[in-house]
C-alpha atoms as a PDB file:
ATOM      1  CA  MET A   1      34.478 -76.310  49.560  1.00  0.00           C
ATOM      2  CA  GLU A   2      29.956 -76.564  49.780  1.00  0.00           C
ATOM      3  CA  SER A   3      29.292 -80.087  48.891  1.00  0.00           C
ATOM      4  CA  ILE A   4      26.984 -80.750  46.062  1.00  0.00           C
ATOM      5  CA  THR A   5      24.232 -81.544  47.749  1.00  0.00           C
ATOM      6  CA  GLN A   6      24.587 -78.231  49.811  1.00  0.00           C
ATOM      7  CA  ILE A   7      24.584 -76.256  46.726  1.00  0.00           C
ATOM      8  CA  LYS A   8      21.526 -78.085  45.282  1.00  0.00           C
ATOM      9  CA  HIS A   9      19.883 -77.594  48.083  1.00  0.00           C
ATOM     10  CA  ALA A  10      20.580 -73.851  48.772  1.00  0.00           C
ATOM     11  CA  ALA A  11      18.214 -71.100  49.235  1.00  0.00           C
ATOM     12  CA  PRO A  12      17.740 -69.488  45.902  1.00  0.00           C
ATOM     13  CA  GLU A  13      18.377 -66.119  45.684  1.00  0.00           C
ATOM     14  CA  ARG A  14      15.162 -63.556  46.282  1.00  0.00           C
ATOM     15  CA  SER A  15      14.540 -61.183  43.815  1.00  0.00           C
ATOM     16  CA  SER A  16      13.096 -57.713  44.703  1.00  0.00           C
ATOM     17  CA  ALA A  17      10.493 -57.601  41.609  1.00  0.00           C
ATOM     18  CA  PRO A  18       7.365 -57.782  42.298  1.00  0.00           C
ATOM     19  CA  ARG A  19       5.634 -61.548  42.092  1.00  0.00           C
ATOM     20  CA  GLY A  20       3.610 -61.368  38.499  1.00  0.00           C
ATOM     21  CA  ALA A  21       6.317 -59.196  36.902  1.00  0.00           C
ATOM     22  CA  PRO A  22       7.463 -59.931  33.542  1.00  0.00           C
ATOM     23  CA  PHE A  23       9.909 -62.480  32.867  1.00  0.00           C
ATOM     24  CA  ASP A  24      12.534 -59.598  31.673  1.00  0.00           C
ATOM     25  CA  GLU A  25      12.095 -57.199  34.029  1.00  0.00           C
ATOM     26  CA  GLN A  26      12.812 -60.137  36.627  1.00  0.00           C
ATOM     27  CA  ILE A  27      16.432 -60.640  35.009  1.00  0.00           C
ATOM     28  CA  ILE A  28      16.900 -56.647  34.762  1.00  0.00           C
ATOM     29  CA  LEU A  29      16.189 -56.106  38.501  1.00  0.00           C
ATOM     30  CA  GLN A  30      18.025 -58.987  39.278  1.00  0.00           C
ATOM     31  CA  HIS A  31      21.253 -57.694  37.243  1.00  0.00           C
ATOM     32  CA  GLN A  32      20.644 -54.047  39.064  1.00  0.00           C
ATOM     33  CA  GLU A  33      20.895 -55.867  42.678  1.00  0.00           C
ATOM     34  CA  ARG A  34      24.359 -57.677  41.960  1.00  0.00           C
ATOM     35  CA  ILE A  35      26.159 -54.988  39.355  1.00  0.00           C
ATOM     36  CA  PRO A  36      27.691 -52.267  41.515  1.00  0.00           C
ATOM     37  CA  PRO A  37      27.073 -48.466  41.768  1.00  0.00           C
ATOM     38  CA  THR A  38      29.628 -46.995  39.582  1.00  0.00           C
ATOM     39  CA  ALA A  39      28.828 -49.585  36.779  1.00  0.00           C
ATOM     40  CA  GLU A  40      25.233 -49.464  36.797  1.00  0.00           C
ATOM     41  CA  SER A  41      25.651 -45.861  34.454  1.00  0.00           C
ATOM     42  CA  GLY A  42      27.448 -47.626  31.712  1.00  0.00           C
ATOM     43  CA  LEU A  43      26.798 -51.198  31.672  1.00  0.00           C
ATOM     44  CA  LEU A  44      23.472 -51.417  33.220  1.00  0.00           C
ATOM     45  CA  SER A  45      22.045 -49.066  30.840  1.00  0.00           C
ATOM     46  CA  LYS A  46      23.562 -50.684  28.219  1.00  0.00           C
ATOM     47  CA  LEU A  47      22.189 -54.136  29.302  1.00  0.00           C
ATOM     48  CA  THR A  48      18.835 -52.737  30.204  1.00  0.00           C
ATOM     49  CA  ALA A  49      18.427 -51.267  26.602  1.00  0.00           C
ATOM     50  CA  ASP A  50      19.220 -54.760  25.198  1.00  0.00           C
ATOM     51  CA  LYS A  51      17.212 -56.468  27.207  1.00  0.00           C
ATOM     52  CA  LEU A  52      14.103 -54.766  26.246  1.00  0.00           C
ATOM     53  CA  GLY A  53      15.228 -54.772  22.429  1.00  0.00           C
ATOM     54  CA  ARG A  54      15.906 -50.681  22.657  1.00  0.00           C
ATOM     55  CA  ARG A  55      18.770 -48.577  21.907  1.00  0.00           C
ATOM     56  CA  ARG A  56      19.839 -45.542  23.834  1.00  0.00           C
ATOM     57  CA  PRO A  57      19.776 -42.773  21.557  1.00  0.00           C
ATOM     58  CA  GLU A  58      23.592 -41.896  21.526  1.00  0.00           C
ATOM     59  CA  ILE A  59      24.369 -38.092  22.771  1.00  0.00           C
ATOM     60  CA  THR A  60      26.790 -36.079  20.874  1.00  0.00           C
ATOM     61  CA  SER A  61      28.474 -32.350  21.159  1.00  0.00           C
ATOM     62  CA  LYS A  62      28.012 -31.794  17.720  1.00  0.00           C
ATOM     63  CA  PRO A  63      27.815 -27.739  17.458  1.00  0.00           C
ATOM     64  CA  VAL A  64      24.548 -26.037  16.827  1.00  0.00           C
ATOM     65  CA  VAL A  65      24.522 -24.585  13.055  1.00  0.00           C
ATOM     66  CA  PRO A  66      21.971 -22.167  12.453  1.00  0.00           C
ATOM     67  CA  PRO A  67      19.928 -22.314   9.597  1.00  0.00           C
ATOM     68  CA  ALA A  68      21.104 -20.630   6.219  1.00  0.00           C
ATOM     69  CA  VAL A  69      19.852 -17.192   5.765  1.00  0.00           C
ATOM     70  CA  PRO A  70      18.999 -17.327   1.784  1.00  0.00           C
ATOM     71  CA  ALA A  71      20.302 -14.338   0.145  1.00  0.00           C
ATOM     72  CA  LYS A  72      18.306 -11.488  -0.765  1.00  0.00           C
ATOM     73  CA  SER A  73      17.332 -11.762  -4.431  1.00  0.00           C
ATOM     74  CA  LYS A  74      18.046  -9.228  -7.020  1.00  0.00           C
ATOM     75  CA  ALA A  75      15.556  -6.981  -7.782  1.00  0.00           C
ATOM     76  CA  ARG A  76      14.382  -7.824 -11.094  1.00  0.00           C
ATOM     77  CA  GLU A  77      15.087  -5.764 -14.135  1.00  0.00           C
ATOM     78  CA  PRO A  78      12.499  -3.635 -16.413  1.00  0.00           C
ATOM     79  CA  LYS A  79      11.396  -5.363 -19.096  1.00  0.00           C
ATOM     80  CA  THR A  80       9.192  -2.977 -21.122  1.00  0.00           C
ATOM     81  CA  ALA A  81       9.384   0.634 -21.577  1.00  0.00           C
ATOM     82  CA  PHE A  82       6.393   1.581 -19.102  1.00  0.00           C
ATOM     83  CA  THR A  83       7.852  -0.275 -15.931  1.00  0.00           C
ATOM     84  CA  ALA A  84      11.051   1.432 -16.822  1.00  0.00           C
ATOM     85  CA  GLY A  85       9.672   4.815 -16.905  1.00  0.00           C
ATOM     86  CA  GLU A  86       7.713   3.355 -13.407  1.00  0.00           C
ATOM     87  CA  ALA A  87      11.233   2.489 -11.744  1.00  0.00           C
ATOM     88  CA  GLY A  88      13.121   5.953 -13.622  1.00  0.00           C
ATOM     89  CA  ARG A  89      15.603   4.134 -15.817  1.00  0.00           C
ATOM     90  CA  ARG A  90      16.457   6.244 -18.689  1.00  0.00           C
ATOM     91  CA  ASP A  91      19.660   3.533 -19.368  1.00  0.00           C
ATOM     92  CA  ILE A  92      16.525   0.951 -19.878  1.00  0.00           C
ATOM     93  CA  ILE A  93      14.393   3.188 -22.100  1.00  0.00           C
ATOM     94  CA  GLU A  94      17.277   4.119 -24.105  1.00  0.00           C
ATOM     95  CA  THR A  95      18.344   0.640 -24.736  1.00  0.00           C
ATOM     96  CA  ILE A  96      14.634  -0.338 -25.519  1.00  0.00           C
ATOM     97  CA  LEU A  97      14.924   2.688 -28.086  1.00  0.00           C
ATOM     98  CA  SER A  98      17.754   1.611 -29.866  1.00  0.00           C
ATOM     99  CA  GLN A  99      15.749  -1.361 -31.117  1.00  0.00           C
ATOM    100  CA  GLN A 100      13.694   0.310 -32.778  1.00  0.00           C
ATOM    101  CA  THR A 101      13.816   0.587 -36.258  1.00  0.00           C
ATOM    102  CA  THR A 102      10.435   2.682 -37.286  1.00  0.00           C
ATOM    103  CA  PRO A 103       9.375   6.308 -36.324  1.00  0.00           C
ATOM    104  CA  GLN A 104       6.388   4.650 -34.808  1.00  0.00           C
ATOM    105  CA  GLY A 105       8.004   2.330 -32.946  1.00  0.00           C
ATOM    106  CA  ARG A 106       9.967   5.180 -31.213  1.00  0.00           C
ATOM    107  CA  ALA A 107       7.084   7.381 -30.443  1.00  0.00           C
ATOM    108  CA  THR A 108       5.363   3.924 -29.078  1.00  0.00           C
ATOM    109  CA  VAL A 109       7.808   3.328 -26.780  1.00  0.00           C
ATOM    110  CA  LEU A 110       8.554   7.116 -25.602  1.00  0.00           C
ATOM    111  CA  TYR A 111       4.930   7.368 -24.918  1.00  0.00           C
ATOM    112  CA  ASP A 112       4.347   4.086 -22.856  1.00  0.00           C
ATOM    113  CA  ALA A 113       7.901   5.232 -20.790  1.00  0.00           C
ATOM    114  CA  LEU A 114       5.860   8.791 -20.347  1.00  0.00           C
ATOM    115  CA  MET A 115       3.107   6.479 -19.037  1.00  0.00           C
ATOM    116  CA  GLY A 116       5.195   4.862 -16.480  1.00  0.00           C
ATOM    117  CA  VAL A 117       6.977   8.031 -15.366  1.00  0.00           C
ATOM    118  CA  VAL A 118       3.596   9.895 -14.381  1.00  0.00           C
ATOM    119  CA  CYS A 119       2.661   7.181 -11.863  1.00  0.00           C
ATOM    120  CA  SER A 120       4.311   8.959  -9.427  1.00  0.00           C
ATOM    121  CA  ASP A 121       6.250  12.485  -9.018  1.00  0.00           C
ATOM    122  CA  GLU A 122       9.745  10.550  -8.141  1.00  0.00           C
ATOM    123  CA  HIS A 123      11.381  10.534 -11.507  1.00  0.00           C
ATOM    124  CA  LEU A 124      10.355  14.293 -12.745  1.00  0.00           C
ATOM    125  CA  THR A 125      14.061  14.589 -14.536  1.00  0.00           C
ATOM    126  CA  VAL A 126      13.527  11.481 -16.726  1.00  0.00           C
ATOM    127  CA  LEU A 127       9.836  12.975 -17.435  1.00  0.00           C
ATOM    128  CA  GLN A 128      11.514  16.231 -19.001  1.00  0.00           C
ATOM    129  CA  GLN A 129      14.052  14.199 -20.668  1.00  0.00           C
ATOM    130  CA  LEU A 130      11.233  12.215 -22.411  1.00  0.00           C
ATOM    131  CA  LEU A 131       9.333  15.571 -23.054  1.00  0.00           C
ATOM    132  CA  GLU A 132      12.842  16.637 -24.958  1.00  0.00           C
ATOM    133  CA  ARG A 133      13.370  13.713 -27.074  1.00  0.00           C
ATOM    134  CA  GLY A 134      10.127  14.363 -28.425  1.00  0.00           C
ATOM    135  CA  ALA A 135       7.475  12.643 -26.212  1.00  0.00           C
ATOM    136  CA  GLU A 136       4.050  12.650 -27.373  1.00  0.00           C
ATOM    137  CA  PHE A 137       1.173  12.509 -24.799  1.00  0.00           C
ATOM    138  CA  SER A 138      -2.672  13.308 -24.676  1.00  0.00           C
ATOM    139  CA  PRO A 139      -5.068  14.224 -21.956  1.00  0.00           C
ATOM    140  CA  ASN A 140      -5.518  11.044 -20.620  1.00  0.00           C
ATOM    141  CA  VAL A 141      -1.491  10.996 -19.528  1.00  0.00           C
ATOM    142  CA  ILE A 142      -2.365  14.106 -17.506  1.00  0.00           C
ATOM    143  CA  ARG A 143      -5.842  12.591 -15.797  1.00  0.00           C
ATOM    144  CA  ARG A 144      -3.600   9.457 -15.047  1.00  0.00           C
ATOM    145  CA  ALA A 145      -1.077  11.721 -12.987  1.00  0.00           C
ATOM    146  CA  LEU A 146      -3.805  13.131 -11.264  1.00  0.00           C
ATOM    147  CA  THR A 147      -5.506   9.483 -10.339  1.00  0.00           C
ATOM    148  CA  ASP A 148      -1.877   8.861  -8.970  1.00  0.00           C
ATOM    149  CA  ARG A 149      -1.863  11.972  -7.551  1.00  0.00           C
ATOM    150  CA  ALA A 150       1.658  13.058  -8.902  1.00  0.00           C
ATOM    151  CA  THR A 151       0.538  16.907  -9.094  1.00  0.00           C
ATOM    152  CA  GLU A 152       4.167  18.270  -9.701  1.00  0.00           C
ATOM    153  CA  CYS A 153       3.557  15.471 -13.351  1.00  0.00           C
ATOM    154  CA  ALA A 154       0.730  16.366 -14.322  1.00  0.00           C
ATOM    155  CA  CYS A 155       1.750  20.165 -13.821  1.00  0.00           C
ATOM    156  CA  THR A 156       4.665  19.611 -15.808  1.00  0.00           C
ATOM    157  CA  LEU A 157       2.402  17.928 -18.683  1.00  0.00           C
ATOM    158  CA  LEU A 158       0.034  21.206 -18.594  1.00  0.00           C
ATOM    159  CA  ARG A 159       3.057  23.594 -18.840  1.00  0.00           C
ATOM    160  CA  TRP A 160       4.532  21.867 -21.589  1.00  0.00           C
ATOM    161  CA  ASN A 161       1.627  21.779 -24.004  1.00  0.00           C
ATOM    162  CA  PRO A 162      -0.798  24.463 -22.806  1.00  0.00           C
ATOM    163  CA  GLU A 163      -2.937  23.565 -25.759  1.00  0.00           C
ATOM    164  CA  ILE A 164      -4.105  21.035 -23.754  1.00  0.00           C
ATOM    165  CA  ALA A 165      -5.807  23.427 -21.134  1.00  0.00           C
ATOM    166  CA  ARG A 166      -7.221  25.462 -23.525  1.00  0.00           C
ATOM    167  CA  SER A 167      -9.163  22.674 -25.369  1.00  0.00           C
ATOM    168  CA  GLY A 168     -12.470  20.914 -24.281  1.00  0.00           C
ATOM    169  CA  ASP A 169     -10.051  18.662 -22.171  1.00  0.00           C
ATOM    170  CA  GLY A 170      -9.113  21.503 -19.937  1.00  0.00           C
ATOM    171  CA  VAL A 171     -12.436  21.926 -18.357  1.00  0.00           C
ATOM    172  CA  ASP A 172     -12.600  18.326 -17.692  1.00  0.00           C
ATOM    173  CA  ILE A 173      -8.975  18.115 -16.258  1.00  0.00           C
ATOM    174  CA  LEU A 174     -10.117  20.887 -13.715  1.00  0.00           C
ATOM    175  CA  PHE A 175     -13.098  19.065 -12.836  1.00  0.00           C
ATOM    176  CA  GLN A 176     -11.082  16.114 -11.880  1.00  0.00           C
ATOM    177  CA  ALA A 177      -8.540  18.461 -10.131  1.00  0.00           C
ATOM    178  CA  ALA A 178     -10.812  19.697  -8.074  1.00  0.00           C
ATOM    179  CA  TRP A 179     -12.540  17.292  -7.241  1.00  0.00           C
ATOM    180  CA  MET A 180      -9.280  15.608  -5.759  1.00  0.00           C
ATOM    181  CA  GLY A 181      -8.167  19.143  -3.930  1.00  0.00           C
ATOM    182  CA  SER A 182      -5.017  19.118  -6.022  1.00  0.00           C
ATOM    183  CA  GLU A 183      -4.272  22.809  -5.578  1.00  0.00           C
ATOM    184  CA  GLU A 184      -1.671  23.255  -7.616  1.00  0.00           C
ATOM    185  CA  THR A 185      -3.187  21.904 -10.606  1.00  0.00           C
ATOM    186  CA  VAL A 186      -6.077  23.902  -9.970  1.00  0.00           C
ATOM    187  CA  ARG A 187      -3.885  26.766 -10.188  1.00  0.00           C
ATOM    188  CA  VAL A 188      -1.851  26.141 -13.354  1.00  0.00           C
ATOM    189  CA  LEU A 189      -5.085  25.456 -14.826  1.00  0.00           C
ATOM    190  CA  LEU A 190      -6.339  28.801 -14.149  1.00  0.00           C
ATOM    191  CA  ASP A 191      -3.321  30.468 -15.263  1.00  0.00           C
ATOM    192  CA  LEU A 192      -3.403  28.912 -18.175  1.00  0.00           C
ATOM    193  CA  GLY A 193      -6.873  30.594 -19.222  1.00  0.00           C
ATOM    194  CA  VAL A 194      -9.573  27.335 -18.291  1.00  0.00           C
ATOM    195  CA  ASP A 195     -12.744  28.646 -17.575  1.00  0.00           C
ATOM    196  CA  PRO A 196     -13.812  28.292 -13.571  1.00  0.00           C
ATOM    197  CA  ASN A 197     -17.522  28.248 -14.551  1.00  0.00           C
ATOM    198  CA  GLY A 198     -17.501  25.580 -16.880  1.00  0.00           C
ATOM    199  CA  ALA A 199     -20.146  23.476 -16.421  1.00  0.00           C
ATOM    200  CA  ASP A 200     -21.432  19.755 -17.144  1.00  0.00           C
ATOM    201  CA  THR A 201     -24.379  17.883 -18.194  1.00  0.00           C
ATOM    202  CA  MET A 202     -25.495  18.093 -14.737  1.00  0.00           C
ATOM    203  CA  GLY A 203     -25.069  22.391 -14.581  1.00  0.00           C
ATOM    204  CA  GLU A 204     -22.059  21.669 -11.826  1.00  0.00           C
ATOM    205  CA  THR A 205     -18.965  23.763 -11.791  1.00  0.00           C
ATOM    206  CA  PRO A 206     -15.279  22.899 -10.356  1.00  0.00           C
ATOM    207  CA  LEU A 207     -16.569  24.388  -7.512  1.00  0.00           C
ATOM    208  CA  HIS A 208     -19.063  21.994  -6.482  1.00  0.00           C
ATOM    209  CA  ARG A 209     -16.591  19.398  -6.517  1.00  0.00           C
ATOM    210  CA  ALA A 210     -13.980  21.574  -4.561  1.00  0.00           C
ATOM    211  CA  ALA A 211     -16.971  21.855  -2.247  1.00  0.00           C
ATOM    212  CA  VAL A 212     -17.153  18.012  -1.214  1.00  0.00           C
ATOM    213  CA  ALA A 213     -13.081  17.286  -1.951  1.00  0.00           C
ATOM    214  CA  ALA A 214     -10.278  16.323   0.235  1.00  0.00           C
ATOM    215  CA  ASN A 215     -12.518  15.800   3.542  1.00  0.00           C
ATOM    216  CA  GLY A 216     -12.759  19.807   4.121  1.00  0.00           C
ATOM    217  CA  GLN A 217      -8.643  19.794   4.112  1.00  0.00           C
ATOM    218  CA  ARG A 218      -8.124  21.811   1.003  1.00  0.00           C
ATOM    219  CA  PRO A 219      -9.608  25.071   0.771  1.00  0.00           C
ATOM    220  CA  GLY A 220      -7.056  26.487  -0.959  1.00  0.00           C
ATOM    221  CA  THR A 221      -8.765  25.431  -4.100  1.00  0.00           C
ATOM    222  CA  ILE A 222     -11.800  27.025  -3.248  1.00  0.00           C
ATOM    223  CA  VAL A 223      -9.915  29.888  -3.028  1.00  0.00           C
ATOM    224  CA  HIS A 224      -8.104  29.578  -6.477  1.00  0.00           C
ATOM    225  CA  LEU A 225     -11.567  29.250  -7.901  1.00  0.00           C
ATOM    226  CA  LEU A 226     -12.768  32.006  -6.276  1.00  0.00           C
ATOM    227  CA  ARG A 227      -9.725  34.380  -6.579  1.00  0.00           C
ATOM    228  CA  TYR A 228     -10.017  33.610 -10.872  1.00  0.00           C
ATOM    229  CA  GLY A 229     -13.596  34.537 -10.983  1.00  0.00           C
ATOM    230  CA  ALA A 230     -15.660  31.071  -9.929  1.00  0.00           C
ATOM    231  CA  ASP A 231     -19.169  31.962  -9.247  1.00  0.00           C
ATOM    232  CA  VAL A 232     -19.401  32.042  -5.371  1.00  0.00           C
ATOM    233  CA  ASP A 233     -22.585  30.191  -5.487  1.00  0.00           C
ATOM    234  CA  GLY A 234     -21.997  27.896  -8.619  1.00  0.00           C
ATOM    235  CA  GLY A 235     -24.929  29.148 -10.827  1.00  0.00           C
ATOM    236  CA  ALA A 236     -27.211  27.773  -8.210  1.00  0.00           C
ATOM    237  CA  THR A 237     -31.431  28.676  -8.147  1.00  0.00           C
ATOM    238  CA  ARG A 238     -31.512  27.016  -4.909  1.00  0.00           C
ATOM    239  CA  PRO A 239     -29.717  26.297  -1.411  1.00  0.00           C
ATOM    240  CA  GLY A 240     -29.741  22.300  -2.479  1.00  0.00           C
ATOM    241  CA  ASN A 241     -27.672  22.993  -5.024  1.00  0.00           C
ATOM    242  CA  ALA A 242     -24.766  25.584  -3.776  1.00  0.00           C
ATOM    243  CA  PRO A 243     -21.709  24.631  -3.188  1.00  0.00           C
ATOM    244  CA  VAL A 244     -21.432  26.531   0.009  1.00  0.00           C
ATOM    245  CA  ILE A 245     -24.626  24.046   1.498  1.00  0.00           C
ATOM    246  CA  LEU A 246     -22.741  20.437  -0.141  1.00  0.00           C
ATOM    247  CA  ALA A 247     -19.676  21.615   2.227  1.00  0.00           C
ATOM    248  CA  ALA A 248     -22.124  22.562   5.178  1.00  0.00           C
ATOM    249  CA  ARG A 249     -23.941  19.137   4.992  1.00  0.00           C
ATOM    250  CA  ARG A 250     -21.013  17.539   5.400  1.00  0.00           C
ATOM    251  CA  GLY A 251     -19.420  19.205   8.308  1.00  0.00           C
ATOM    252  CA  TYR A 252     -16.562  21.161   6.430  1.00  0.00           C
ATOM    253  CA  LYS A 253     -16.186  24.231   8.368  1.00  0.00           C
ATOM    254  CA  LYS A 254     -12.747  25.605   6.912  1.00  0.00           C
ATOM    255  CA  TYR A 255     -14.814  25.591   3.550  1.00  0.00           C
ATOM    256  CA  VAL A 256     -18.039  27.253   4.518  1.00  0.00           C
ATOM    257  CA  ASP A 257     -15.809  29.773   6.124  1.00  0.00           C
ATOM    258  CA  VAL A 258     -14.287  30.747   2.604  1.00  0.00           C
ATOM    259  CA  PHE A 259     -18.196  30.643   0.853  1.00  0.00           C
ATOM    260  CA  LEU A 260     -19.169  32.789   3.872  1.00  0.00           C
ATOM    261  CA  ALA A 261     -16.229  34.975   3.329  1.00  0.00           C
ATOM    262  CA  HIS A 262     -17.172  35.647  -0.711  1.00  0.00           C
ATOM    263  CA  ARG A 263     -20.555  36.587   0.580  1.00  0.00           C
ATOM    264  CA  SER A 264     -23.001  33.617  -0.749  1.00  0.00           C
ATOM    265  CA  LYS A 265     -26.358  34.391  -0.958  1.00  0.00           C
ATOM    266  CA  TYR A 266     -26.797  30.881   0.911  1.00  0.00           C
ATOM    267  CA  ALA A 267     -25.108  32.028   4.259  1.00  0.00           C
ATOM    268  CA  GLU A 268     -27.826  31.839   6.898  1.00  0.00           C
ATOM    269  CA  ILE A 269     -29.045  28.222   5.641  1.00  0.00           C
ATOM    270  CA  ALA A 270     -25.338  27.388   5.444  1.00  0.00           C
ATOM    271  CA  GLU A 271     -24.553  28.197   9.148  1.00  0.00           C
ATOM    272  CA  MET A 272     -27.836  26.515  10.255  1.00  0.00           C
ATOM    273  CA  ASP A 273     -26.987  23.023   8.127  1.00  0.00           C
ATOM    274  CA  LEU A 274     -23.451  23.554   9.113  1.00  0.00           C
ATOM    275  CA  GLN A 275     -24.208  23.156  13.198  1.00  0.00           C
ATOM    276  CA  ARG A 276     -26.447  20.212  12.418  1.00  0.00           C
ATOM    277  CA  ALA A 277     -23.551  18.780  10.655  1.00  0.00           C
ATOM    278  CA  ILE A 278     -21.495  19.204  13.334  1.00  0.00           C
ATOM    279  CA  LEU A 279     -23.856  18.368  16.220  1.00  0.00           C
ATOM    280  CA  ASP A 280     -25.261  15.053  14.253  1.00  0.00           C
ATOM    281  CA  GLY A 281     -23.053  13.924  11.687  1.00  0.00           C
ATOM    282  CA  PRO A 282     -22.605  14.924   8.203  1.00  0.00           C
ATOM    283  CA  TRP A 283     -26.272  14.634   6.399  1.00  0.00           C
ATOM    284  CA  ASP A 284     -27.028  15.043   2.562  1.00  0.00           C
ATOM    285  CA  SER A 285     -30.341  15.891   1.315  1.00  0.00           C
ATOM    286  CA  ASP A 286     -32.208  17.193  -1.875  1.00  0.00           C
ATOM    287  CA  SER A 287     -34.500  19.418  -0.012  1.00  0.00           C
ATOM    288  CA  ASP A 288     -34.512  22.861  -0.219  1.00  0.00           C
END
């Protein structure tokens, strides 16, 4: 056994910690030198964390659960006659009708439902059923259908009440249909007797509107008007007001060809204007 004197004077074990290192780090490094490598991963890691006042995060093998996908919300049921008509829900329209106690209330429901149906051509069957139930409508309903490009709805309404076409509103609706390039609506209006040469306050005819419609892609509108007796030059007294010139200056060759085939008196000017528009782009001018 070693004597007490020998123990006292034994050389202290040297640490591999650099001089000037913090005291806690010296202790940790001394433990690293004394603990066997096999135990270092467990005991040393815990000791190191304890000495530094930190806790190692516990690694667990919990299964990864994907986030829950929220269920798709059901489509909201229409609450009014207009939205029910827009959705083509005849059952809801009937429910709202059954809640009305006066003829005026039922007429209002039918009118509102009709305004909803004509927003598109998707529910023509519901439209026919509403008309058979006695739904009344004004020219504004037809204008609404044209604005929403529900051409079949507009034609159905016109055939149901042809008196609208024969009234002063018929010419106004023809102007709108020609301007939108709605060939079928134009044909139905002309079949019902609307004047193709009816003029507005500016002296323009439906042919003027058709000449600048649909980016030059609906020549059938012009063909229908001319076939039903529209003046090929729209009553223009100078080239700048003629429908063929309006089409030529926009580069609408398909339209110009139709006008020239019907012998417009401004054919020569129209051909020059068309070439200019093709080479330099569309242009417009009031000059003759």
